[in-house]
Amino acid sequence: MAKLKAIKNELRRRMHWPIPEQGRWLKQVLTGDSADHAVPTNDRSRGAFRDHIIRLWAQTLRRRSQRHRLVWERMIRLANDWLPRPRILHPRPRIRFAVKPPR
């Protein structure tokens, strides 16, 4: 929750930046976060984290103007273009630690 709150505050600060710059920044955030937390049993929460970031980004983009024209289909296209899908980066511990030292 603290990470999401920090992302929300930073999105508010970057509200009027161009959408590609916001997308690049969010891509870096998601990539760095998944490098730490992309373990085999954490795939569902990784997807929920990405979905929450998409909602925060949509709220921020809608607040740019009183007459927002951001429909959800466009937001999904933006998210698919800029935000990486969650995937497991670290192998299972049994595979990862199955190292045979040279004799």
N, C-alpha and C. Protein backbone atom coordinates (compact mmCIF):
# COMPACT_ATOMS: atom_id res chain seq x y z
N MET A 1 0.82 -1.19 0.00
CA MET A 1 0.00 0.00 0.00
C MET A 1 0.87 1.26 0.00
N ALA A 2 1.99 1.20 0.69
CA ALA A 2 2.87 2.37 0.74
C ALA A 2 3.45 2.65 -0.65
N LYS A 3 3.78 1.61 -1.38
CA LYS A 3 4.31 1.78 -2.73
C LYS A 3 3.25 2.39 -3.65
N LEU A 4 2.01 1.93 -3.53
CA LEU A 4 0.94 2.47 -4.36
C LEU A 4 0.66 3.93 -4.01
N LYS A 5 0.75 4.26 -2.75
CA LYS A 5 0.53 5.65 -2.33
C LYS A 5 1.63 6.55 -2.89
N ALA A 6 2.87 6.06 -2.87
CA ALA A 6 3.98 6.84 -3.42
C ALA A 6 3.82 7.02 -4.93
N ILE A 7 3.36 5.97 -5.61
CA ILE A 7 3.13 6.07 -7.06
C ILE A 7 2.01 7.06 -7.35
N LYS A 8 0.97 7.03 -6.55
CA LYS A 8 -0.14 7.96 -6.74
C LYS A 8 0.32 9.41 -6.58
N ASN A 9 1.10 9.67 -5.56
CA ASN A 9 1.61 11.03 -5.35
C ASN A 9 2.53 11.47 -6.50
N GLU A 10 3.36 10.55 -6.97
CA GLU A 10 4.25 10.90 -8.07
C GLU A 10 3.47 11.11 -9.37
N LEU A 11 2.42 10.32 -9.58
CA LEU A 11 1.58 10.53 -10.76
C LEU A 11 0.90 11.89 -10.71
N ARG A 12 0.47 12.30 -9.55
CA ARG A 12 -0.14 13.62 -9.42
C ARG A 12 0.86 14.72 -9.74
N ARG A 13 2.11 14.50 -9.35
CA ARG A 13 3.14 15.49 -9.63
C ARG A 13 3.44 15.54 -11.13
N ARG A 14 3.37 14.39 -11.79
CA ARG A 14 3.68 14.30 -13.22
C ARG A 14 2.42 14.36 -14.08
N MET A 15 1.34 14.86 -13.55
CA MET A 15 0.04 14.83 -14.21
C MET A 15 0.05 15.44 -15.61
N HIS A 16 0.70 16.54 -15.79
CA HIS A 16 0.66 17.25 -17.07
C HIS A 16 1.85 16.94 -17.97
N TRP A 17 2.61 15.94 -17.62
CA TRP A 17 3.67 15.48 -18.51
C TRP A 17 3.02 14.78 -19.69
N PRO A 18 3.69 14.69 -20.83
CA PRO A 18 3.13 13.93 -21.96
C PRO A 18 2.92 12.46 -21.59
N ILE A 19 1.93 11.85 -22.20
CA ILE A 19 1.59 10.47 -21.88
C ILE A 19 2.76 9.51 -22.13
N PRO A 20 3.53 9.65 -23.21
CA PRO A 20 4.66 8.73 -23.38
C PRO A 20 5.69 8.82 -22.26
N GLU A 21 5.94 10.01 -21.74
CA GLU A 21 6.88 10.13 -20.62
C GLU A 21 6.32 9.47 -19.36
N GLN A 22 5.04 9.65 -19.11
CA GLN A 22 4.41 8.98 -17.97
C GLN A 22 4.48 7.47 -18.14
N GLY A 23 4.22 7.00 -19.37
CA GLY A 23 4.27 5.56 -19.64
C GLY A 23 5.66 4.99 -19.43
N ARG A 24 6.68 5.71 -19.89
CA ARG A 24 8.06 5.23 -19.69
C ARG A 24 8.39 5.15 -18.21
N TRP A 25 7.96 6.17 -17.45
CA TRP A 25 8.24 6.16 -16.01
C TRP A 25 7.53 5.00 -15.32
N LEU A 26 6.25 4.79 -15.65
CA LEU A 26 5.51 3.69 -15.03
C LEU A 26 6.08 2.33 -15.43
N LYS A 27 6.59 2.23 -16.65
CA LYS A 27 7.22 0.98 -17.08
C LYS A 27 8.46 0.69 -16.24
N GLN A 28 9.25 1.72 -15.96
CA GLN A 28 10.42 1.54 -15.10
C GLN A 28 10.01 1.12 -13.70
N VAL A 29 8.95 1.72 -13.19
CA VAL A 29 8.48 1.38 -11.84
C VAL A 29 8.06 -0.08 -11.79
N LEU A 30 7.24 -0.52 -12.75
CA LEU A 30 6.77 -1.91 -12.76
C LEU A 30 7.90 -2.90 -12.99
N THR A 31 8.83 -2.56 -13.86
CA THR A 31 9.95 -3.46 -14.13
C THR A 31 10.83 -3.62 -12.90
N GLY A 32 11.12 -2.52 -12.24
CA GLY A 32 11.94 -2.59 -11.03
C GLY A 32 11.25 -3.31 -9.90
N ASP A 33 9.96 -3.11 -9.77
CA ASP A 33 9.22 -3.77 -8.71
C ASP A 33 9.11 -5.27 -8.97
N SER A 34 8.91 -5.65 -10.22
CA SER A 34 8.79 -7.08 -10.51
C SER A 34 10.14 -7.78 -10.42
N ALA A 35 11.24 -7.04 -10.55
CA ALA A 35 12.55 -7.66 -10.38
C ALA A 35 12.72 -8.13 -8.93
N ASP A 36 12.06 -7.47 -8.01
CA ASP A 36 12.15 -7.87 -6.60
C ASP A 36 11.10 -8.89 -6.19
N HIS A 37 9.91 -8.78 -6.76
CA HIS A 37 8.78 -9.55 -6.23
C HIS A 37 8.21 -10.58 -7.19
N ALA A 38 8.85 -10.89 -8.30
CA ALA A 38 8.31 -11.83 -9.28
C ALA A 38 8.73 -13.26 -8.94
N VAL A 39 8.24 -13.77 -7.83
CA VAL A 39 8.52 -15.14 -7.43
C VAL A 39 7.34 -16.02 -7.83
N PRO A 40 7.50 -17.34 -7.90
CA PRO A 40 6.47 -18.22 -8.45
C PRO A 40 5.09 -18.12 -7.80
N THR A 41 4.96 -17.90 -6.55
CA THR A 41 3.64 -17.88 -5.92
C THR A 41 3.03 -16.49 -5.85
N ASN A 42 3.64 -15.51 -6.47
CA ASN A 42 3.21 -14.13 -6.34
C ASN A 42 2.58 -13.56 -7.61
N ASP A 43 2.20 -14.42 -8.56
CA ASP A 43 1.72 -13.92 -9.84
C ASP A 43 0.36 -13.21 -9.74
N ARG A 44 -0.51 -13.67 -8.88
CA ARG A 44 -1.81 -13.03 -8.75
C ARG A 44 -1.70 -11.62 -8.17
N SER A 45 -0.86 -11.45 -7.18
CA SER A 45 -0.70 -10.12 -6.60
C SER A 45 0.05 -9.18 -7.54
N ARG A 46 0.93 -9.71 -8.41
CA ARG A 46 1.60 -8.89 -9.42
C ARG A 46 0.57 -8.33 -10.41
N GLY A 47 -0.38 -9.17 -10.80
CA GLY A 47 -1.44 -8.71 -11.70
C GLY A 47 -2.33 -7.67 -11.04
N ALA A 48 -2.64 -7.87 -9.76
CA ALA A 48 -3.47 -6.90 -9.04
C ALA A 48 -2.73 -5.57 -8.89
N PHE A 49 -1.42 -5.63 -8.68
CA PHE A 49 -0.62 -4.41 -8.56
C PHE A 49 -0.64 -3.63 -9.87
N ARG A 50 -0.49 -4.33 -10.99
CA ARG A 50 -0.53 -3.68 -12.31
C ARG A 50 -1.91 -3.07 -12.56
N ASP A 51 -2.97 -3.80 -12.22
CA ASP A 51 -4.32 -3.28 -12.41
C ASP A 51 -4.57 -2.03 -11.58
N HIS A 52 -4.04 -2.02 -10.38
CA HIS A 52 -4.22 -0.85 -9.52
C HIS A 52 -3.46 0.36 -10.09
N ILE A 53 -2.29 0.12 -10.63
CA ILE A 53 -1.52 1.20 -11.25
C ILE A 53 -2.27 1.73 -12.48
N ILE A 54 -2.89 0.84 -13.25
CA ILE A 54 -3.68 1.29 -14.40
C ILE A 54 -4.82 2.19 -13.94
N ARG A 55 -5.51 1.81 -12.86
CA ARG A 55 -6.59 2.64 -12.35
C ARG A 55 -6.08 3.99 -11.86
N LEU A 56 -4.95 4.00 -11.17
CA LEU A 56 -4.38 5.27 -10.71
C LEU A 56 -3.99 6.17 -11.88
N TRP A 57 -3.42 5.57 -12.92
CA TRP A 57 -3.02 6.34 -14.10
C TRP A 57 -4.25 6.91 -14.80
N ALA A 58 -5.31 6.12 -14.88
CA ALA A 58 -6.55 6.60 -15.52
C ALA A 58 -7.14 7.77 -14.72
N GLN A 59 -7.15 7.65 -13.40
CA GLN A 59 -7.66 8.75 -12.57
C GLN A 59 -6.84 10.02 -12.80
N THR A 60 -5.53 9.85 -12.87
CA THR A 60 -4.66 11.01 -13.06
C THR A 60 -4.89 11.64 -14.42
N LEU A 61 -5.02 10.83 -15.46
CA LEU A 61 -5.24 11.37 -16.80
C LEU A 61 -6.60 12.05 -16.89
N ARG A 62 -7.58 11.53 -16.18
CA ARG A 62 -8.91 12.15 -16.21
C ARG A 62 -8.93 13.48 -15.47
N ARG A 63 -8.06 13.67 -14.55
CA ARG A 63 -8.02 14.92 -13.79
C ARG A 63 -7.29 16.03 -14.53
N ARG A 64 -6.73 15.72 -15.69
CA ARG A 64 -6.01 16.74 -16.45
C ARG A 64 -6.95 17.81 -16.99
N SER A 65 -8.22 17.50 -17.15
CA SER A 65 -9.15 18.43 -17.76
C SER A 65 -10.53 18.22 -17.15
N GLN A 66 -11.36 19.25 -17.19
CA GLN A 66 -12.72 19.11 -16.67
C GLN A 66 -13.56 18.25 -17.61
N ARG A 67 -13.23 18.27 -18.87
CA ARG A 67 -13.97 17.49 -19.86
C ARG A 67 -13.07 16.37 -20.36
N HIS A 68 -12.90 15.36 -19.56
CA HIS A 68 -12.02 14.27 -19.99
C HIS A 68 -12.72 13.42 -21.05
N ARG A 69 -11.96 12.99 -21.99
CA ARG A 69 -12.48 12.13 -23.04
C ARG A 69 -11.75 10.78 -23.02
N LEU A 70 -11.27 10.40 -21.88
CA LEU A 70 -10.53 9.16 -21.76
C LEU A 70 -11.52 8.02 -21.48
N VAL A 71 -11.76 7.21 -22.49
CA VAL A 71 -12.64 6.06 -22.29
C VAL A 71 -11.77 4.87 -21.88
N TRP A 72 -12.40 3.89 -21.27
CA TRP A 72 -11.66 2.78 -20.70
C TRP A 72 -10.93 1.98 -21.77
N GLU A 73 -11.49 1.87 -22.97
CA GLU A 73 -10.82 1.13 -24.05
C GLU A 73 -9.48 1.79 -24.40
N ARG A 74 -9.45 3.11 -24.44
CA ARG A 74 -8.19 3.81 -24.73
C ARG A 74 -7.19 3.60 -23.59
N MET A 75 -7.70 3.59 -22.36
CA MET A 75 -6.80 3.38 -21.22
C MET A 75 -6.19 1.98 -21.27
N ILE A 76 -6.97 0.99 -21.65
CA ILE A 76 -6.44 -0.36 -21.77
C ILE A 76 -5.39 -0.42 -22.88
N ARG A 77 -5.61 0.28 -23.99
CA ARG A 77 -4.60 0.32 -25.06
C ARG A 77 -3.32 0.98 -24.57
N LEU A 78 -3.46 2.09 -23.82
CA LEU A 78 -2.26 2.74 -23.27
C LEU A 78 -1.51 1.81 -22.33
N ALA A 79 -2.25 1.11 -21.48
CA ALA A 79 -1.61 0.21 -20.52
C ALA A 79 -0.90 -0.93 -21.25
N ASN A 80 -1.54 -1.48 -22.29
CA ASN A 80 -0.90 -2.57 -23.03
C ASN A 80 0.32 -2.09 -23.80
N ASP A 81 0.30 -0.83 -24.23
CA ASP A 81 1.46 -0.29 -24.95
C ASP A 81 2.63 0.00 -24.02
N TRP A 82 2.36 0.50 -22.83
CA TRP A 82 3.44 1.00 -21.97
C TRP A 82 3.77 0.11 -20.78
N LEU A 83 2.80 -0.56 -20.20
CA LEU A 83 3.05 -1.29 -18.97
C LEU A 83 3.28 -2.77 -19.24
N PRO A 84 4.38 -3.33 -18.75
CA PRO A 84 4.64 -4.75 -19.00
C PRO A 84 3.68 -5.64 -18.21
N ARG A 85 3.34 -6.76 -18.79
CA ARG A 85 2.49 -7.73 -18.11
C ARG A 85 3.30 -8.44 -17.03
N PRO A 86 2.65 -8.84 -15.96
CA PRO A 86 3.41 -9.54 -14.90
C PRO A 86 3.83 -10.93 -15.37
N ARG A 87 5.05 -11.27 -15.04
CA ARG A 87 5.55 -12.61 -15.35
C ARG A 87 6.52 -13.00 -14.26
N ILE A 88 6.74 -14.27 -14.13
CA ILE A 88 7.61 -14.82 -13.11
C ILE A 88 9.05 -14.77 -13.63
N LEU A 89 9.90 -14.06 -12.90
CA LEU A 89 11.30 -13.92 -13.31
C LEU A 89 12.22 -14.88 -12.58
N HIS A 90 11.87 -15.26 -11.37
CA HIS A 90 12.72 -16.13 -10.57
C HIS A 90 12.20 -17.56 -10.65
N PRO A 91 13.06 -18.52 -10.91
CA PRO A 91 12.59 -19.91 -11.00
C PRO A 91 12.22 -20.46 -9.63
N ARG A 92 11.63 -21.60 -9.65
CA ARG A 92 11.27 -22.28 -8.39
C ARG A 92 12.54 -22.56 -7.58
N PRO A 93 12.44 -22.50 -6.27
CA PRO A 93 13.66 -22.72 -5.45
C PRO A 93 14.31 -24.06 -5.70
N ARG A 94 13.52 -25.11 -5.98
CA ARG A 94 14.10 -26.43 -6.21
C ARG A 94 15.00 -26.40 -7.44
N ILE A 95 14.58 -25.70 -8.48
CA ILE A 95 15.37 -25.62 -9.70
C ILE A 95 16.55 -24.67 -9.51
N ARG A 96 16.27 -23.57 -8.82
CA ARG A 96 17.31 -22.55 -8.66
C ARG A 96 18.48 -23.06 -7.85
N PHE A 97 18.21 -23.90 -6.83
CA PHE A 97 19.27 -24.35 -5.95
C PHE A 97 19.78 -25.74 -6.32
N ALA A 98 19.38 -26.26 -7.48
CA ALA A 98 19.84 -27.59 -7.90
C ALA A 98 21.17 -27.43 -8.67
N VAL A 99 22.16 -26.93 -7.99
CA VAL A 99 23.47 -26.72 -8.60
C VAL A 99 24.40 -27.83 -8.17
N LYS A 100 25.10 -28.41 -9.14
CA LYS A 100 26.07 -29.46 -8.80
C LYS A 100 27.46 -28.87 -8.94
N PRO A 101 28.18 -28.75 -7.85
CA PRO A 101 29.53 -28.18 -7.94
C PRO A 101 30.48 -29.13 -8.65
N PRO A 102 31.47 -28.56 -9.33
CA PRO A 102 32.45 -29.45 -10.01
C PRO A 102 33.28 -30.21 -8.97
N ARG A 103 33.65 -31.40 -9.32
CA ARG A 103 34.42 -32.21 -8.37
C ARG A 103 35.88 -32.23 -8.71
